């Protein structure tokens, strides 16, 4: 394989890593919103349902922020790497 193909594969692999974190963050936060808006219940205990809903929202937001930070960091590194290769 040529160096250009390997660089492309490497860049998309890095993008897949932060996309995976963003996906799980969006999934958890969406579950939180769904649980708040619908009548779906995990169990008979109302406090357990509320706890799971709050934890899904909290973990979803944390993963979203981590994913967005990793997105910016990765894309900056990829762009900086392109300029190094051009020189």
PDB file of N, CA and C in Angstrom:
ATOM      1  N   UNK A   1       0.844  -1.185   0.000  1.00  0.00           N
ATOM      2  CA  UNK A   1       0.000   0.000   0.000  1.00  0.00           C
ATOM      3  C   UNK A   1       0.883   1.241   0.000  1.00  0.00           C
ATOM      4  N   UNK A   2       0.361   2.253  -0.643  1.00  0.00           N
ATOM      5  CA  UNK A   2       1.138   3.484  -0.681  1.00  0.00           C
ATOM      6  C   UNK A   2       0.974   4.269   0.617  1.00  0.00           C
ATOM      7  N   UNK A   3       1.849   5.212   0.797  1.00  0.00           N
ATOM      8  CA  UNK A   3       1.824   6.026   2.015  1.00  0.00           C
ATOM      9  C   UNK A   3       0.546   6.866   2.088  1.00  0.00           C
ATOM     10  N   UNK A   4       0.048   7.318   0.963  1.00  0.00           N
ATOM     11  CA  UNK A   4      -1.168   8.118   0.922  1.00  0.00           C
ATOM     12  C   UNK A   4      -2.384   7.312   1.391  1.00  0.00           C
ATOM     13  N   UNK A   5      -2.482   6.061   0.953  1.00  0.00           N
ATOM     14  CA  UNK A   5      -3.600   5.198   1.362  1.00  0.00           C
ATOM     15  C   UNK A   5      -3.526   4.903   2.853  1.00  0.00           C
ATOM     16  N   UNK A   6      -2.332   4.621   3.351  1.00  0.00           N
ATOM     17  CA  UNK A   6      -2.178   4.363   4.786  1.00  0.00           C
ATOM     18  C   UNK A   6      -2.529   5.583   5.617  1.00  0.00           C
ATOM     19  N   UNK A   7      -2.160   6.780   5.157  1.00  0.00           N
ATOM     20  CA  UNK A   7      -2.526   8.005   5.872  1.00  0.00           C
ATOM     21  C   UNK A   7      -4.028   8.197   5.893  1.00  0.00           C
ATOM     22  N   UNK A   8      -4.695   7.915   4.785  1.00  0.00           N
ATOM     23  CA  UNK A   8      -6.146   8.047   4.718  1.00  0.00           C
ATOM     24  C   UNK A   8      -6.827   7.066   5.668  1.00  0.00           C
ATOM     25  N   UNK A   9      -6.375   5.830   5.685  1.00  0.00           N
ATOM     26  CA  UNK A   9      -6.940   4.825   6.596  1.00  0.00           C
ATOM     27  C   UNK A   9      -6.725   5.246   8.048  1.00  0.00           C
ATOM     28  N   UNK A  10      -5.551   5.740   8.357  1.00  0.00           N
ATOM     29  CA  UNK A  10      -5.242   6.171   9.719  1.00  0.00           C
ATOM     30  C   UNK A  10      -6.133   7.349  10.140  1.00  0.00           C
ATOM     31  N   UNK A  11      -6.334   8.305   9.257  1.00  0.00           N
ATOM     32  CA  UNK A  11      -7.173   9.463   9.583  1.00  0.00           C
ATOM     33  C   UNK A  11      -8.612   9.044   9.832  1.00  0.00           C
ATOM     34  N   UNK A  12      -9.145   8.145   9.009  1.00  0.00           N
ATOM     35  CA  UNK A  12     -10.520   7.711   9.204  1.00  0.00           C
ATOM     36  C   UNK A  12     -10.661   6.810  10.422  1.00  0.00           C
ATOM     37  N   UNK A  13      -9.614   6.110  10.789  1.00  0.00           N
ATOM     38  CA  UNK A  13      -9.640   5.325  12.028  1.00  0.00           C
ATOM     39  C   UNK A  13      -9.719   6.251  13.235  1.00  0.00           C
ATOM     40  N   UNK A  14      -8.944   7.332  13.211  1.00  0.00           N
ATOM     41  CA  UNK A  14      -9.019   8.316  14.298  1.00  0.00           C
ATOM     42  C   UNK A  14     -10.405   8.944  14.370  1.00  0.00           C
ATOM     43  N   UNK A  15     -10.977   9.238  13.213  1.00  0.00           N
ATOM     44  CA  UNK A  15     -12.328   9.820  13.194  1.00  0.00           C
ATOM     45  C   UNK A  15     -13.360   8.840  13.732  1.00  0.00           C
ATOM     46  N   UNK A  16     -13.184   7.555  13.470  1.00  0.00           N
ATOM     47  CA  UNK A  16     -14.098   6.544  13.986  1.00  0.00           C
ATOM     48  C   UNK A  16     -14.071   6.496  15.511  1.00  0.00           C
ATOM     49  N   UNK A  17     -12.891   6.694  16.117  1.00  0.00           N
ATOM     50  CA  UNK A  17     -12.797   6.650  17.569  1.00  0.00           C
ATOM     51  C   UNK A  17     -13.617   7.752  18.225  1.00  0.00           C
ATOM     52  N   UNK A  18     -13.533   8.992  17.730  1.00  0.00           N
ATOM     53  CA  UNK A  18     -14.336  10.028  18.367  1.00  0.00           C
ATOM     54  C   UNK A  18     -15.807   9.936  17.954  1.00  0.00           C
ATOM     55  N   UNK A  19     -16.088   9.401  16.776  1.00  0.00           N
ATOM     56  CA  UNK A  19     -17.486   9.226  16.369  1.00  0.00           C
ATOM     57  C   UNK A  19     -18.177   8.200  17.260  1.00  0.00           C
ATOM     58  N   UNK A  20     -17.434   7.195  17.692  1.00  0.00           N
ATOM     59  CA  UNK A  20     -17.995   6.179  18.585  1.00  0.00           C
ATOM     60  C   UNK A  20     -18.369   6.787  19.935  1.00  0.00           C
ATOM     61  N   UNK A  21     -17.525   7.644  20.474  1.00  0.00           N
ATOM     62  CA  UNK A  21     -17.821   8.303  21.743  1.00  0.00           C
ATOM     63  C   UNK A  21     -19.037   9.220  21.593  1.00  0.00           C
ATOM     64  N   UNK A  22     -19.089   9.975  20.491  1.00  0.00           N
ATOM     65  CA  UNK A  22     -20.235  10.845  20.244  1.00  0.00           C
ATOM     66  C   UNK A  22     -21.521  10.039  20.102  1.00  0.00           C
ATOM     67  N   UNK A  23     -21.454   8.906  19.423  1.00  0.00           N
ATOM     68  CA  UNK A  23     -22.637   8.069  19.240  1.00  0.00           C
ATOM     69  C   UNK A  23     -23.194   7.590  20.573  1.00  0.00           C
ATOM     70  N   UNK A  24     -22.347   7.096  21.458  1.00  0.00           N
ATOM     71  CA  UNK A  24     -22.822   6.617  22.756  1.00  0.00           C
ATOM     72  C   UNK A  24     -23.353   7.766  23.613  1.00  0.00           C
ATOM     73  N   UNK A  25     -22.742   8.943  23.521  1.00  0.00           N
ATOM     74  CA  UNK A  25     -23.256  10.101  24.240  1.00  0.00           C
ATOM     75  C   UNK A  25     -24.629  10.505  23.757  1.00  0.00           C
ATOM     76  N   UNK A  26     -24.807  10.534  22.442  1.00  0.00           N
ATOM     77  CA  UNK A  26     -26.113  10.875  21.871  1.00  0.00           C
ATOM     78  C   UNK A  26     -27.143   9.826  22.240  1.00  0.00           C
ATOM     79  N   UNK A  27     -26.751   8.556  22.210  1.00  0.00           N
ATOM     80  CA  UNK A  27     -27.663   7.473  22.569  1.00  0.00           C
ATOM     81  C   UNK A  27     -28.148   7.607  24.010  1.00  0.00           C
ATOM     82  N   UNK A  28     -27.237   7.805  24.942  1.00  0.00           N
ATOM     83  CA  UNK A  28     -27.626   7.912  26.352  1.00  0.00           C
ATOM     84  C   UNK A  28     -28.481   9.147  26.613  1.00  0.00           C
ATOM     85  N   UNK A  29     -28.108  10.270  26.010  1.00  0.00           N
ATOM     86  CA  UNK A  29     -28.888  11.489  26.224  1.00  0.00           C
ATOM     87  C   UNK A  29     -30.273  11.370  25.588  1.00  0.00           C
ATOM     88  N   UNK A  30     -30.367  10.699  24.442  1.00  0.00           N
ATOM     89  CA  UNK A  30     -31.665  10.472  23.805  1.00  0.00           C
ATOM     90  C   UNK A  30     -32.542   9.561  24.660  1.00  0.00           C
ATOM     91  N   UNK A  31     -31.927   8.546  25.261  1.00  0.00           N
ATOM     92  CA  UNK A  31     -32.693   7.676  26.163  1.00  0.00           C
ATOM     93  C   UNK A  31     -33.241   8.461  27.344  1.00  0.00           C
ATOM     94  N   UNK A  32     -32.456   9.381  27.863  1.00  0.00           N
ATOM     95  CA  UNK A  32     -32.908  10.215  28.972  1.00  0.00           C
ATOM     96  C   UNK A  32     -34.136  11.028  28.561  1.00  0.00           C
ATOM     97  N   UNK A  33     -34.075  11.629  27.402  1.00  0.00           N
ATOM     98  CA  UNK A  33     -35.208  12.432  26.922  1.00  0.00           C
ATOM     99  C   UNK A  33     -36.428  11.556  26.677  1.00  0.00           C
ATOM    100  N   UNK A  34     -36.218  10.373  26.094  1.00  0.00           N
ATOM    101  CA  UNK A  34     -37.331   9.457  25.855  1.00  0.00           C
ATOM    102  C   UNK A  34     -37.967   9.025  27.168  1.00  0.00           C
ATOM    103  N   UNK A  35     -37.156   8.724  28.173  1.00  0.00           N
ATOM    104  CA  UNK A  35     -37.696   8.289  29.459  1.00  0.00           C
ATOM    105  C   UNK A  35     -38.458   9.410  30.160  1.00  0.00           C
ATOM    106  N   UNK A  36     -38.032  10.644  29.948  1.00  0.00           N
ATOM    107  CA  UNK A  36     -38.737  11.771  30.552  1.00  0.00           C
ATOM    108  C   UNK A  36     -40.063  12.053  29.861  1.00  0.00           C
ATOM    109  N   UNK A  37     -40.127  11.869  28.556  1.00  0.00           N
ATOM    110  CA  UNK A  37     -41.322  12.235  27.797  1.00  0.00           C
ATOM    111  C   UNK A  37     -42.350  11.119  27.675  1.00  0.00           C
ATOM    112  N   UNK A  38     -41.960   9.879  27.869  1.00  0.00           N
ATOM    113  CA  UNK A  38     -42.891   8.756  27.725  1.00  0.00           C
ATOM    114  C   UNK A  38     -43.213   8.164  29.095  1.00  0.00           C
ATOM    115  N   UNK A  39     -44.096   7.188  29.087  1.00  0.00           N
ATOM    116  CA  UNK A  39     -44.488   6.515  30.319  1.00  0.00           C
ATOM    117  C   UNK A  39     -43.743   5.208  30.535  1.00  0.00           C
ATOM    118  N   UNK A  40     -42.646   5.016  29.835  1.00  0.00           N
ATOM    119  CA  UNK A  40     -41.881   3.778  29.978  1.00  0.00           C
ATOM    120  C   UNK A  40     -41.243   3.717  31.362  1.00  0.00           C
ATOM    121  N   UNK A  41     -41.389   2.568  32.016  1.00  0.00           N
ATOM    122  CA  UNK A  41     -40.847   2.366  33.360  1.00  0.00           C
ATOM    123  C   UNK A  41     -39.932   1.140  33.380  1.00  0.00           C
ATOM    124  N   UNK A  42     -38.785   1.293  34.030  1.00  0.00           N
ATOM    125  CA  UNK A  42     -37.859   0.182  34.191  1.00  0.00           C
ATOM    126  C   UNK A  42     -38.346  -0.800  35.231  1.00  0.00           C
ATOM    127  N   UNK A  43     -38.859  -0.248  36.299  1.00  0.00           N
ATOM    128  CA  UNK A  43     -39.275  -1.098  37.406  1.00  0.00           C
ATOM    129  C   UNK A  43     -40.503  -0.488  38.073  1.00  0.00           C
ATOM    130  N   UNK A  44     -40.945  -1.147  39.116  1.00  0.00           N
ATOM    131  CA  UNK A  44     -42.094  -0.668  39.884  1.00  0.00           C
ATOM    132  C   UNK A  44     -41.723   0.535  40.749  1.00  0.00           C
ATOM    133  N   UNK A  45     -40.455   0.643  41.101  1.00  0.00           N
ATOM    134  CA  UNK A  45     -40.008   1.719  41.997  1.00  0.00           C
ATOM    135  C   UNK A  45     -39.772   3.002  41.201  1.00  0.00           C
ATOM    136  N   UNK A  46     -40.439   4.059  41.606  1.00  0.00           N
ATOM    137  CA  UNK A  46     -40.334   5.341  40.912  1.00  0.00           C
ATOM    138  C   UNK A  46     -38.968   5.994  41.115  1.00  0.00           C
ATOM    139  N   UNK A  47     -38.385   5.819  42.310  1.00  0.00           N
ATOM    140  CA  UNK A  47     -37.083   6.435  42.553  1.00  0.00           C
ATOM    141  C   UNK A  47     -35.975   5.778  41.722  1.00  0.00           C
ATOM    142  N   UNK A  48     -36.075   4.475  41.455  1.00  0.00           N
ATOM    143  CA  UNK A  48     -35.106   3.804  40.597  1.00  0.00           C
ATOM    144  C   UNK A  48     -35.230   4.292  39.153  1.00  0.00           C
ATOM    145  N   UNK A  49     -36.451   4.479  38.692  1.00  0.00           N
ATOM    146  CA  UNK A  49     -36.666   5.004  37.344  1.00  0.00           C
ATOM    147  C   UNK A  49     -36.077   6.396  37.199  1.00  0.00           C
ATOM    148  N   UNK A  50     -36.276   7.227  38.190  1.00  0.00           N
ATOM    149  CA  UNK A  50     -35.733   8.579  38.151  1.00  0.00           C
ATOM    150  C   UNK A  50     -34.206   8.555  38.189  1.00  0.00           C
ATOM    151  N   UNK A  51     -33.631   7.693  39.013  1.00  0.00           N
ATOM    152  CA  UNK A  51     -32.177   7.577  39.111  1.00  0.00           C
ATOM    153  C   UNK A  51     -31.566   7.144  37.776  1.00  0.00           C
ATOM    154  N   UNK A  52     -32.150   6.141  37.131  1.00  0.00           N
ATOM    155  CA  UNK A  52     -31.630   5.664  35.846  1.00  0.00           C
ATOM    156  C   UNK A  52     -31.765   6.748  34.779  1.00  0.00           C
ATOM    157  N   UNK A  53     -32.859   7.476  34.789  1.00  0.00           N
ATOM    158  CA  UNK A  53     -33.048   8.559  33.825  1.00  0.00           C
ATOM    159  C   UNK A  53     -32.014   9.651  34.028  1.00  0.00           C
ATOM    160  N   UNK A  54     -31.774  10.043  35.261  1.00  0.00           N
ATOM    161  CA  UNK A  54     -30.790  11.093  35.552  1.00  0.00           C
ATOM    162  C   UNK A  54     -29.378  10.621  35.198  1.00  0.00           C
ATOM    163  N   UNK A  55     -29.053   9.387  35.507  1.00  0.00           N
ATOM    164  CA  UNK A  55     -27.721   8.867  35.185  1.00  0.00           C
ATOM    165  C   UNK A  55     -27.506   8.774  33.676  1.00  0.00           C
ATOM    166  N   UNK A  56     -28.537   8.377  32.926  1.00  0.00           N
ATOM    167  CA  UNK A  56     -28.423   8.335  31.466  1.00  0.00           C
ATOM    168  C   UNK A  56     -28.160   9.738  30.919  1.00  0.00           C
ATOM    169  N   UNK A  57     -28.874  10.720  31.431  1.00  0.00           N
ATOM    170  CA  UNK A  57     -28.661  12.092  30.977  1.00  0.00           C
ATOM    171  C   UNK A  57     -27.291  12.616  31.343  1.00  0.00           C
ATOM    172  N   UNK A  58     -26.868  12.362  32.582  1.00  0.00           N
ATOM    173  CA  UNK A  58     -25.573  12.841  33.053  1.00  0.00           C
ATOM    174  C   UNK A  58     -24.425  12.195  32.269  1.00  0.00           C
ATOM    175  N   UNK A  59     -24.451  10.867  32.139  1.00  0.00           N
ATOM    176  CA  UNK A  59     -23.399  10.175  31.387  1.00  0.00           C
ATOM    177  C   UNK A  59     -23.432  10.542  29.907  1.00  0.00           C
ATOM    178  N   UNK A  60     -24.633  10.748  29.367  1.00  0.00           N
ATOM    179  CA  UNK A  60     -24.745  11.160  27.976  1.00  0.00           C
ATOM    180  C   UNK A  60     -24.106  12.514  27.729  1.00  0.00           C
ATOM    181  N   UNK A  61     -24.359  13.469  28.629  1.00  0.00           N
ATOM    182  CA  UNK A  61     -23.739  14.791  28.480  1.00  0.00           C
ATOM    183  C   UNK A  61     -22.225  14.730  28.628  1.00  0.00           C
ATOM    184  N   UNK A  62     -21.746  13.932  29.571  1.00  0.00           N
ATOM    185  CA  UNK A  62     -20.297  13.799  29.755  1.00  0.00           C
ATOM    186  C   UNK A  62     -19.660  13.214  28.496  1.00  0.00           C
ATOM    187  N   UNK A  63     -20.254  12.154  27.949  1.00  0.00           N
ATOM    188  CA  UNK A  63     -19.698  11.550  26.744  1.00  0.00           C
ATOM    189  C   UNK A  63     -19.788  12.492  25.544  1.00  0.00           C
ATOM    190  N   UNK A  64     -20.852  13.293  25.478  1.00  0.00           N
ATOM    191  CA  UNK A  64     -20.948  14.274  24.397  1.00  0.00           C
ATOM    192  C   UNK A  64     -19.826  15.304  24.481  1.00  0.00           C
ATOM    193  N   UNK A  65     -19.578  15.819  25.663  1.00  0.00           N
ATOM    194  CA  UNK A  65     -18.510  16.810  25.818  1.00  0.00           C
ATOM    195  C   UNK A  65     -17.134  16.192  25.533  1.00  0.00           C
ATOM    196  N   UNK A  66     -16.913  14.978  25.998  1.00  0.00           N
ATOM    197  CA  UNK A  66     -15.641  14.307  25.714  1.00  0.00           C
ATOM    198  C   UNK A  66     -15.497  14.070  24.212  1.00  0.00           C
ATOM    199  N   UNK A  67     -16.574  13.628  23.574  1.00  0.00           N
ATOM    200  CA  UNK A  67     -16.533  13.385  22.136  1.00  0.00           C
ATOM    201  C   UNK A  67     -16.286  14.649  21.342  1.00  0.00           C
ATOM    202  N   UNK A  68     -16.920  15.753  21.760  1.00  0.00           N
ATOM    203  CA  UNK A  68     -16.696  17.017  21.053  1.00  0.00           C
ATOM    204  C   UNK A  68     -15.267  17.515  21.258  1.00  0.00           C
ATOM    205  N   UNK A  69     -14.734  17.342  22.454  1.00  0.00           N
ATOM    206  CA  UNK A  69     -13.341  17.721  22.698  1.00  0.00           C
ATOM    207  C   UNK A  69     -12.398  16.875  21.860  1.00  0.00           C
ATOM    208  N   UNK A  70     -12.642  15.556  21.815  1.00  0.00           N
ATOM    209  CA  UNK A  70     -11.803  14.664  21.020  1.00  0.00           C
ATOM    210  C   UNK A  70     -11.928  14.981  19.530  1.00  0.00           C
ATOM    211  N   UNK A  71     -13.131  15.391  19.091  1.00  0.00           N
ATOM    212  CA  UNK A  71     -13.326  15.765  17.695  1.00  0.00           C
ATOM    213  C   UNK A  71     -12.439  16.937  17.332  1.00  0.00           C
ATOM    214  N   UNK A  72     -12.483  17.981  18.134  1.00  0.00           N
ATOM    215  CA  UNK A  72     -11.683  19.170  17.854  1.00  0.00           C
ATOM    216  C   UNK A  72     -10.192  18.844  17.908  1.00  0.00           C
ATOM    217  N   UNK A  73      -9.795  18.091  18.912  1.00  0.00           N
ATOM    218  CA  UNK A  73      -8.380  17.739  19.072  1.00  0.00           C
ATOM    219  C   UNK A  73      -7.885  16.876  17.907  1.00  0.00           C
ATOM    220  N   UNK A  74      -8.687  15.893  17.502  1.00  0.00           N
ATOM    221  CA  UNK A  74      -8.290  14.993  16.424  1.00  0.00           C
ATOM    222  C   UNK A  74      -8.226  15.720  15.087  1.00  0.00           C
ATOM    223  N   UNK A  75      -9.253  16.515  14.792  1.00  0.00           N
ATOM    224  CA  UNK A  75      -9.253  17.231  13.515  1.00  0.00           C
ATOM    225  C   UNK A  75      -8.116  18.247  13.453  1.00  0.00           C
ATOM    226  N   UNK A  76      -7.809  18.891  14.555  1.00  0.00           N
ATOM    227  CA  UNK A  76      -6.676  19.813  14.579  1.00  0.00           C
ATOM    228  C   UNK A  76      -5.373  19.060  14.321  1.00  0.00           C
ATOM    229  N   UNK A  77      -5.222  17.904  14.932  1.00  0.00           N
ATOM    230  CA  UNK A  77      -4.020  17.097  14.727  1.00  0.00           C
ATOM    231  C   UNK A  77      -3.898  16.594  13.297  1.00  0.00           C
ATOM    232  N   UNK A  78      -5.033  16.225  12.700  1.00  0.00           N
ATOM    233  CA  UNK A  78      -5.008  15.761  11.315  1.00  0.00           C
ATOM    234  C   UNK A  78      -4.613  16.907  10.387  1.00  0.00           C
ATOM    235  N   UNK A  79      -5.198  18.080  10.597  1.00  0.00           N
ATOM    236  CA  UNK A  79      -4.848  19.225   9.753  1.00  0.00           C
ATOM    237  C   UNK A  79      -3.392  19.619   9.937  1.00  0.00           C
ATOM    238  N   UNK A  80      -2.924  19.598  11.154  1.00  0.00           N
ATOM    239  CA  UNK A  80      -1.526  19.935  11.419  1.00  0.00           C
ATOM    240  C   UNK A  80      -0.607  18.903  10.775  1.00  0.00           C
ATOM    241  N   UNK A  81      -1.019  17.653  10.770  1.00  0.00           N
ATOM    242  CA  UNK A  81      -0.234  16.606  10.141  1.00  0.00           C
ATOM    243  C   UNK A  81      -0.177  16.752   8.640  1.00  0.00           C
ATOM    244  N   UNK A  82      -1.267  17.245   8.032  1.00  0.00           N
ATOM    245  CA  UNK A  82      -1.257  17.457   6.580  1.00  0.00           C
ATOM    246  C   UNK A  82      -0.239  18.523   6.207  1.00  0.00           C
ATOM    247  N   UNK A  83      -0.155  19.585   7.013  1.00  0.00           N
ATOM    248  CA  UNK A  83       0.794  20.660   6.699  1.00  0.00           C
ATOM    249  C   UNK A  83       2.232  20.178   6.859  1.00  0.00           C
ATOM    250  N   UNK A  84       2.467  19.303   7.824  1.00  0.00           N
ATOM    251  CA  UNK A  84       3.818  18.779   7.997  1.00  0.00           C
ATOM    252  C   UNK A  84       4.224  17.928   6.801  1.00  0.00           C
ATOM    253  N   UNK A  85       3.265  17.149   6.256  1.00  0.00           N
ATOM    254  CA  UNK A  85       3.588  16.309   5.121  1.00  0.00           C
ATOM    255  C   UNK A  85       3.808  17.117   3.844  1.00  0.00           C
ATOM    256  N   UNK A  86       3.170  18.283   3.738  1.00  0.00           N
ATOM    257  CA  UNK A  86       3.323  19.111   2.546  1.00  0.00           C
ATOM    258  C   UNK A  86       4.671  19.790   2.496  1.00  0.00           C
ATOM    259  N   UNK A  87       5.306  20.006   3.622  1.00  0.00           N
ATOM    260  CA  UNK A  87       6.576  20.742   3.645  1.00  0.00           C
ATOM    261  C   UNK A  87       7.722  19.915   3.150  1.00  0.00           C
TER     262      UNK A  87
END
